[in-house]
C-alpha atoms as a PDB file:
ATOM      1  CA  MET A   1     -10.529  28.253  15.879  1.00  0.00           C
ATOM      2  CA  ARG A   2     -13.407  26.037  14.732  1.00  0.00           C
ATOM      3  CA  GLY A   3     -13.433  27.848  11.389  1.00  0.00           C
ATOM      4  CA  TYR A   4      -9.949  26.551  10.639  1.00  0.00           C
ATOM      5  CA  SER A   5     -11.163  22.965  10.630  1.00  0.00           C
ATOM      6  CA  VAL A   6     -13.347  23.878   7.652  1.00  0.00           C
ATOM      7  CA  ILE A   7     -11.287  26.411   5.733  1.00  0.00           C
ATOM      8  CA  ILE A   8      -7.963  24.537   5.695  1.00  0.00           C
ATOM      9  CA  PRO A   9      -9.313  21.407   3.947  1.00  0.00           C
ATOM     10  CA  LEU A  10     -11.481  23.521   1.630  1.00  0.00           C
ATOM     11  CA  SER A  11      -8.521  25.648   0.575  1.00  0.00           C
ATOM     12  CA  PHE A  12      -6.451  22.541  -0.130  1.00  0.00           C
ATOM     13  CA  LEU A  13      -9.336  21.011  -2.093  1.00  0.00           C
ATOM     14  CA  PHE A  14      -9.683  24.159  -4.195  1.00  0.00           C
ATOM     15  CA  ALA A  15      -5.906  24.252  -4.782  1.00  0.00           C
ATOM     16  CA  LEU A  16      -5.950  20.589  -5.820  1.00  0.00           C
ATOM     17  CA  MET A  17      -8.711  21.322  -8.312  1.00  0.00           C
ATOM     18  CA  LEU A  18      -6.656  24.164  -9.783  1.00  0.00           C
ATOM     19  CA  GLN A  19      -3.572  21.929  -9.823  1.00  0.00           C
ATOM     20  CA  VAL A  20      -5.161  19.168 -11.923  1.00  0.00           C
ATOM     21  CA  MET A  21      -7.283  21.435 -14.122  1.00  0.00           C
ATOM     22  CA  PRO A  22      -6.561  20.626 -17.778  1.00  0.00           C
ATOM     23  CA  LEU A  23      -4.640  23.302 -19.651  1.00  0.00           C
ATOM     24  CA  PRO A  24      -3.247  23.536 -23.189  1.00  0.00           C
ATOM     25  CA  GLU A  25       0.207  22.017 -23.562  1.00  0.00           C
ATOM     26  CA  ALA A  26       1.884  25.409 -24.072  1.00  0.00           C
ATOM     27  CA  TRP A  27       0.493  26.736 -20.772  1.00  0.00           C
ATOM     28  CA  LEU A  28       1.575  23.819 -18.579  1.00  0.00           C
ATOM     29  CA  LEU A  29       5.033  25.293 -18.002  1.00  0.00           C
ATOM     30  CA  TRP A  30       3.416  28.462 -16.632  1.00  0.00           C
ATOM     31  CA  ARG A  31       0.992  26.758 -14.236  1.00  0.00           C
ATOM     32  CA  PRO A  32       1.806  27.874 -10.692  1.00  0.00           C
ATOM     33  CA  ASN A  33       1.941  25.173  -8.077  1.00  0.00           C
ATOM     34  CA  TRP A  34      -1.298  26.084  -6.310  1.00  0.00           C
ATOM     35  CA  THR A  35      -1.120  23.383  -3.678  1.00  0.00           C
ATOM     36  CA  ALA A  36       2.425  24.365  -2.759  1.00  0.00           C
ATOM     37  CA  LEU A  37       1.370  28.006  -2.429  1.00  0.00           C
ATOM     38  CA  VAL A  38      -1.555  27.078  -0.159  1.00  0.00           C
ATOM     39  CA  LEU A  39       0.692  24.755   1.865  1.00  0.00           C
ATOM     40  CA  ILE A  40       3.229  27.543   2.320  1.00  0.00           C
ATOM     41  CA  TYR A  41       0.478  29.923   3.381  1.00  0.00           C
ATOM     42  CA  TRP A  42      -0.951  27.590   6.030  1.00  0.00           C
ATOM     43  CA  CYS A  43       2.522  26.669   7.304  1.00  0.00           C
ATOM     44  CA  ILE A  44       3.234  30.375   7.821  1.00  0.00           C
ATOM     45  CA  ILE A  45      -0.114  31.245   9.401  1.00  0.00           C
ATOM     46  CA  THR A  46      -0.817  28.108  11.459  1.00  0.00           C
ATOM     47  CA  PRO A  47       2.436  26.169  11.883  1.00  0.00           C
ATOM     48  CA  TYR A  48       0.936  24.291  14.825  1.00  0.00           C
ATOM     49  CA  ARG A  49      -1.922  22.952  12.626  1.00  0.00           C
ATOM     50  CA  VAL A  50      -0.352  22.376   9.200  1.00  0.00           C
ATOM     51  CA  GLY A  51       3.078  20.835   8.899  1.00  0.00           C
ATOM     52  CA  VAL A  52       5.259  18.223   7.279  1.00  0.00           C
ATOM     53  CA  PHE A  53       2.700  15.431   7.671  1.00  0.00           C
ATOM     54  CA  HIS A  54       0.070  17.500   5.873  1.00  0.00           C
ATOM     55  CA  GLY A  55       2.561  18.216   3.109  1.00  0.00           C
ATOM     56  CA  PHE A  56       3.222  14.507   2.798  1.00  0.00           C
ATOM     57  CA  LEU A  57      -0.514  13.711   2.588  1.00  0.00           C
ATOM     58  CA  ILE A  58      -1.144  16.417  -0.007  1.00  0.00           C
ATOM     59  CA  GLY A  59       1.803  15.127  -2.029  1.00  0.00           C
ATOM     60  CA  MET A  60       0.429  11.579  -1.935  1.00  0.00           C
ATOM     61  CA  LEU A  61      -2.934  12.894  -3.135  1.00  0.00           C
ATOM     62  CA  ILE A  62      -1.249  14.696  -6.018  1.00  0.00           C
ATOM     63  CA  ASP A  63       0.691  11.536  -6.874  1.00  0.00           C
ATOM     64  CA  LEU A  64      -2.590   9.652  -7.092  1.00  0.00           C
ATOM     65  CA  LEU A  65      -4.334  12.370  -9.111  1.00  0.00           C
ATOM     66  CA  GLN A  66      -1.519  12.950 -11.606  1.00  0.00           C
ATOM     67  CA  GLY A  67      -0.275   9.391 -11.937  1.00  0.00           C
ATOM     68  CA  THR A  68       3.311  10.190 -10.971  1.00  0.00           C
ATOM     69  CA  PRO A  69       5.453   7.646  -9.123  1.00  0.00           C
ATOM     70  CA  LEU A  70       3.966   7.204  -5.666  1.00  0.00           C
ATOM     71  CA  GLY A  71       5.907   9.218  -3.111  1.00  0.00           C
ATOM     72  CA  GLU A  72       7.568  11.679  -5.497  1.00  0.00           C
ATOM     73  CA  ASN A  73       5.299  14.624  -4.754  1.00  0.00           C
ATOM     74  CA  ALA A  74       4.891  13.461  -1.156  1.00  0.00           C
ATOM     75  CA  LEU A  75       8.615  13.933  -0.634  1.00  0.00           C
ATOM     76  CA  LEU A  76       8.554  17.298  -2.413  1.00  0.00           C
ATOM     77  CA  TYR A  77       5.623  18.696  -0.449  1.00  0.00           C
ATOM     78  CA  ALA A  78       6.994  17.429   2.855  1.00  0.00           C
ATOM     79  CA  THR A  79      10.244  19.234   1.985  1.00  0.00           C
ATOM     80  CA  ILE A  80       8.322  22.432   1.175  1.00  0.00           C
ATOM     81  CA  ALA A  81       6.505  22.249   4.506  1.00  0.00           C
ATOM     82  CA  PHE A  82       9.788  21.626   6.328  1.00  0.00           C
ATOM     83  CA  LEU A  83      11.527  24.581   4.663  1.00  0.00           C
ATOM     84  CA  THR A  84       8.550  26.840   5.320  1.00  0.00           C
ATOM     85  CA  LEU A  85       8.375  25.801   8.960  1.00  0.00           C
ATOM     86  CA  LEU A  86      12.067  26.637   9.293  1.00  0.00           C
ATOM     87  CA  LEU A  87      11.439  30.114   7.880  1.00  0.00           C
ATOM     88  CA  TYR A  88       7.922  30.908   9.080  1.00  0.00           C
ATOM     89  CA  GLN A  89       8.939  33.283  11.904  1.00  0.00           C
ATOM     90  CA  ARG A  90      11.029  35.334   9.503  1.00  0.00           C
ATOM     91  CA  MET A  91       8.418  35.239   6.766  1.00  0.00           C
ATOM     92  CA  ARG A  92       5.733  36.566   9.101  1.00  0.00           C
ATOM     93  CA  ILE A  93       7.607  39.804   9.687  1.00  0.00           C
ATOM     94  CA  TYR A  94       8.677  40.349   6.066  1.00  0.00           C
ATOM     95  CA  ALA A  95       6.799  42.588   3.692  1.00  0.00           C
ATOM     96  CA  LEU A  96       4.820  40.813   0.995  1.00  0.00           C
ATOM     97  CA  TRP A  97       7.420  41.456  -1.704  1.00  0.00           C
ATOM     98  CA  ARG A  98      10.123  39.829   0.442  1.00  0.00           C
ATOM     99  CA  GLN A  99       7.816  36.923   1.186  1.00  0.00           C
ATOM    100  CA  ALA A 100       7.237  36.607  -2.560  1.00  0.00           C
ATOM    101  CA  MET A 101      10.988  36.391  -3.134  1.00  0.00           C
ATOM    102  CA  LEU A 102      11.329  33.637  -0.532  1.00  0.00           C
ATOM    103  CA  VAL A 103       8.324  31.778  -1.928  1.00  0.00           C
ATOM    104  CA  THR A 104       9.872  31.982  -5.404  1.00  0.00           C
ATOM    105  CA  ILE A 105      13.104  30.503  -4.071  1.00  0.00           C
ATOM    106  CA  VAL A 106      11.290  27.698  -2.227  1.00  0.00           C
ATOM    107  CA  LEU A 107       9.188  26.882  -5.304  1.00  0.00           C
ATOM    108  CA  ALA A 108      12.236  26.948  -7.573  1.00  0.00           C
ATOM    109  CA  LEU A 109      14.083  24.603  -5.205  1.00  0.00           C
ATOM    110  CA  MET A 110      11.093  22.285  -5.237  1.00  0.00           C
ATOM    111  CA  GLN A 111      10.951  22.314  -9.023  1.00  0.00           C
ATOM    112  CA  LEU A 112      14.692  21.707  -9.261  1.00  0.00           C
ATOM    113  CA  PHE A 113      14.408  18.789  -6.848  1.00  0.00           C
ATOM    114  CA  GLU A 114      11.482  17.431  -8.870  1.00  0.00           C
ATOM    115  CA  GLN A 115      13.504  17.633 -12.085  1.00  0.00           C
ATOM    116  CA  TRP A 116      16.363  15.848 -10.388  1.00  0.00           C
ATOM    117  CA  LEU A 117      14.065  13.079  -9.122  1.00  0.00           C
ATOM    118  CA  ARG A 118      12.497  12.612 -12.543  1.00  0.00           C
ATOM    119  CA  ALA A 119      15.938  12.414 -14.133  1.00  0.00           C
ATOM    120  CA  ILE A 120      16.873   9.649 -11.690  1.00  0.00           C
ATOM    121  CA  LEU A 121      13.576   7.729 -11.628  1.00  0.00           C
ATOM    122  CA  LEU A 122      12.287   8.183 -15.171  1.00  0.00           C
ATOM    123  CA  SER A 123      15.490   9.030 -17.076  1.00  0.00           C
ATOM    124  CA  SER A 124      13.883  12.206 -18.408  1.00  0.00           C
ATOM    125  CA  PRO A 125      16.103  15.120 -19.483  1.00  0.00           C
ATOM    126  CA  LEU A 126      16.625  18.138 -17.259  1.00  0.00           C
ATOM    127  CA  HIS A 127      15.399  21.516 -18.476  1.00  0.00           C
ATOM    128  CA  LEU A 128      15.352  24.967 -16.932  1.00  0.00           C
ATOM    129  CA  GLU A 129      11.840  25.913 -18.015  1.00  0.00           C
ATOM    130  CA  PHE A 130      10.550  24.940 -14.560  1.00  0.00           C
ATOM    131  CA  VAL A 131      11.602  28.399 -13.427  1.00  0.00           C
ATOM    132  CA  TYR A 132       8.558  29.894 -15.186  1.00  0.00           C
ATOM    133  CA  ALA A 133       6.099  28.314 -12.767  1.00  0.00           C
ATOM    134  CA  ALA A 134       8.194  29.327  -9.757  1.00  0.00           C
ATOM    135  CA  LEU A 135       8.381  32.937 -10.966  1.00  0.00           C
ATOM    136  CA  LEU A 136       4.654  33.049 -11.602  1.00  0.00           C
ATOM    137  CA  GLY A 137       4.015  31.581  -8.157  1.00  0.00           C
ATOM    138  CA  GLY A 138       6.146  34.315  -6.621  1.00  0.00           C
ATOM    139  CA  ILE A 139       4.325  36.978  -8.608  1.00  0.00           C
ATOM    140  CA  LEU A 140       0.939  35.610  -7.504  1.00  0.00           C
ATOM    141  CA  TRP A 141       1.966  35.234  -3.848  1.00  0.00           C
ATOM    142  CA  PRO A 142       0.956  38.743  -2.623  1.00  0.00           C
ATOM    143  CA  TRP A 143      -2.534  38.387  -4.116  1.00  0.00           C
ATOM    144  CA  LEU A 144      -2.989  34.828  -2.875  1.00  0.00           C
ATOM    145  CA  PHE A 145      -1.743  35.779   0.601  1.00  0.00           C
ATOM    146  CA  THR A 146      -4.116  38.751   0.774  1.00  0.00           C
ATOM    147  CA  LEU A 147      -7.069  36.711  -0.485  1.00  0.00           C
ATOM    148  CA  MET A 148      -6.363  33.893   1.965  1.00  0.00           C
ATOM    149  CA  GLN A 149      -6.060  36.394   4.824  1.00  0.00           C
ATOM    150  CA  ILE A 150      -9.502  37.802   4.008  1.00  0.00           C
ATOM    151  CA  VAL A 151     -11.042  34.320   3.801  1.00  0.00           C
ATOM    152  CA  ARG A 152      -9.288  33.170   6.974  1.00  0.00           C
ATOM    153  CA  ARG A 153     -10.512  36.167   8.963  1.00  0.00           C
ATOM    154  CA  ARG A 154     -14.045  35.705   7.742  1.00  0.00           C
ATOM    155  CA  PHE A 155     -14.088  32.015   8.708  1.00  0.00           C
ATOM    156  CA  ALA A 156     -12.311  32.640  12.027  1.00  0.00           C
ATOM    157  CA  SER A 157     -15.370  34.499  13.265  1.00  0.00           C
ATOM    158  CA  PHE A 158     -17.556  31.386  12.892  1.00  0.00           C
END
């Protein structure tokens, strides 16, 4: 269990780096939400260690890094953690393709909620292109889950 105290923050740090990595403007719609994927993973695997509070902290960090209104991403990531914690027992027994479908739905709900918040707070128009990132996140979920399982098992032995 000591390995978790190292690997959980490192995985979030790596996901944050991928999240704020500069990309060309055309690719930004396709960027998967790496931090949300890692948060979902840790909420499924260790629900007693990573939860809503961690989602809130990660969201606040993303707000600070991206310059969005403070609390916007905190609310979104806390909601993701809450939804994942509600579903984690089911998700553990599902095959990876079913988990990927649920992750796609959770990510799409998060993106929809984010669009709604931005329409209210910033008066920006709503668009449906946010679905691209959610679909790509769902497609990447089996590989990310498998990679994180390998890393987690390796660090659990320390």
